[in-house]
Every structure is written in C-alpha cells, then in structure tokens.
Amino acid sequence: MSKSLAEHAGAKTGARRKGAGLADEQETAEYIGDLVRQLEKLAATHGLVKLEYLLAACREEAQEIMAGVGVRP
C-alpha cells in the first residue's frame, strides 16, 4: 500500500513538520510521481497503451519538478 503524502514527506525529511503543514512542491511531485509510476505499470500490464503513455508524461513532469526544472520561484 502507498504511503500518504504526510508519511512520504516525513520519511524524506526524517522528521515531521511543525503543525499540520503540507509538503512542498518537490515533495508533492515525488509522491505523485510514485503513485503515477505504479499506475503506469498497471496500465502496461493490461495493455492500456494510451493510458501508459499519458501516465509516463505525468511521471516525467513530476521528475522535472523534483529536479527543480520549471519550479516556480
């Protein structure tokens, strides 16, 4: 089962954020990228080529955000 966004962000930073603050853009993109990667594999397993292609594009976008490409200042 996938981690929640809060668990994912907490695991990455090694500590829980103060209060109930949400993850930043890069942490959010990493979480979404993980989920999309799982969906992409599922689509590939069942021959859903168009969905696999679209999910791959989403995963690539998440990777660019994680790398700091196109992140808003």
Protein backbone atom coordinates (compact mmCIF):
# COMPACT_ATOMS: atom_id res chain seq x y z
CA MET A 1 0.00 0.00 0.00
CA SER A 2 1.23 3.50 -0.78
CA LYS A 3 2.29 5.95 1.86
CA SER A 4 0.20 9.02 2.45
CA LEU A 5 1.62 12.37 1.39
CA ALA A 6 2.34 13.25 5.04
CA GLU A 7 4.14 9.93 5.61
CA HIS A 8 6.05 10.29 2.36
CA ALA A 9 7.18 13.83 3.19
CA GLY A 10 8.03 12.88 6.77
CA ALA A 11 10.13 9.94 5.64
CA LYS A 12 12.01 12.14 3.19
CA THR A 13 12.80 14.88 5.68
CA GLY A 14 13.43 12.47 8.52
CA ALA A 15 11.15 14.43 10.82
CA ARG A 16 7.61 15.60 10.94
CA ARG A 17 6.96 19.21 10.01
CA LYS A 18 5.68 21.56 12.68
CA GLY A 19 1.92 21.75 12.77
CA ALA A 20 -0.19 20.30 10.03
CA GLY A 21 1.76 21.91 7.18
CA LEU A 22 1.67 20.29 3.80
CA ALA A 23 4.61 19.08 1.79
CA ASP A 24 6.39 21.48 -0.55
CA GLU A 25 6.18 21.29 -4.36
CA GLN A 26 9.08 18.89 -4.76
CA GLU A 27 7.86 16.51 -2.05
CA THR A 28 4.38 16.60 -3.53
CA ALA A 29 5.77 15.90 -7.01
CA GLU A 30 7.76 12.97 -5.62
CA TYR A 31 4.63 11.49 -4.03
CA ILE A 32 2.58 11.96 -7.20
CA GLY A 33 5.43 10.51 -9.27
CA ASP A 34 5.46 7.38 -7.10
CA LEU A 35 1.71 6.93 -7.48
CA VAL A 36 1.80 7.56 -11.23
CA ARG A 37 4.68 5.08 -11.64
CA GLN A 38 2.50 2.38 -10.04
CA LEU A 39 -0.43 3.28 -12.29
CA GLU A 40 1.85 3.28 -15.33
CA LYS A 41 3.00 -0.28 -14.52
CA LEU A 42 -0.60 -1.37 -14.06
CA ALA A 43 -1.59 0.13 -17.41
CA ALA A 44 1.36 -1.59 -19.11
CA THR A 45 0.43 -4.94 -17.55
CA HIS A 46 -3.03 -4.73 -19.08
CA GLY A 47 -2.01 -3.35 -22.46
CA LEU A 48 -3.55 0.08 -21.93
CA VAL A 49 -1.08 1.80 -24.22
CA LYS A 50 -2.63 5.26 -24.32
CA LEU A 51 -3.00 5.40 -20.53
CA GLU A 52 0.56 4.15 -20.12
CA TYR A 53 1.79 6.91 -22.45
CA LEU A 54 -0.16 9.64 -20.63
CA LEU A 55 0.97 8.39 -17.23
CA ALA A 56 4.59 8.36 -18.44
CA ALA A 57 4.20 12.03 -19.38
CA CYS A 58 2.86 12.76 -15.89
CA ARG A 59 5.76 10.87 -14.30
CA GLU A 60 8.27 12.83 -16.38
CA GLU A 61 6.65 16.10 -15.33
CA ALA A 62 6.90 15.06 -11.68
CA GLN A 63 10.58 14.16 -12.17
CA GLU A 64 11.26 17.60 -13.68
CA ILE A 65 9.64 19.29 -10.70
CA MET A 66 11.65 17.11 -8.31
CA ALA A 67 14.82 18.13 -10.16
CA GLY A 68 13.89 21.79 -9.84
CA VAL A 69 13.12 22.27 -13.54
CA GLY A 70 10.17 24.59 -14.04
CA VAL A 71 9.54 25.11 -10.33
CA ARG A 72 8.05 28.48 -9.59
CA PRO A 73 10.35 30.84 -7.63
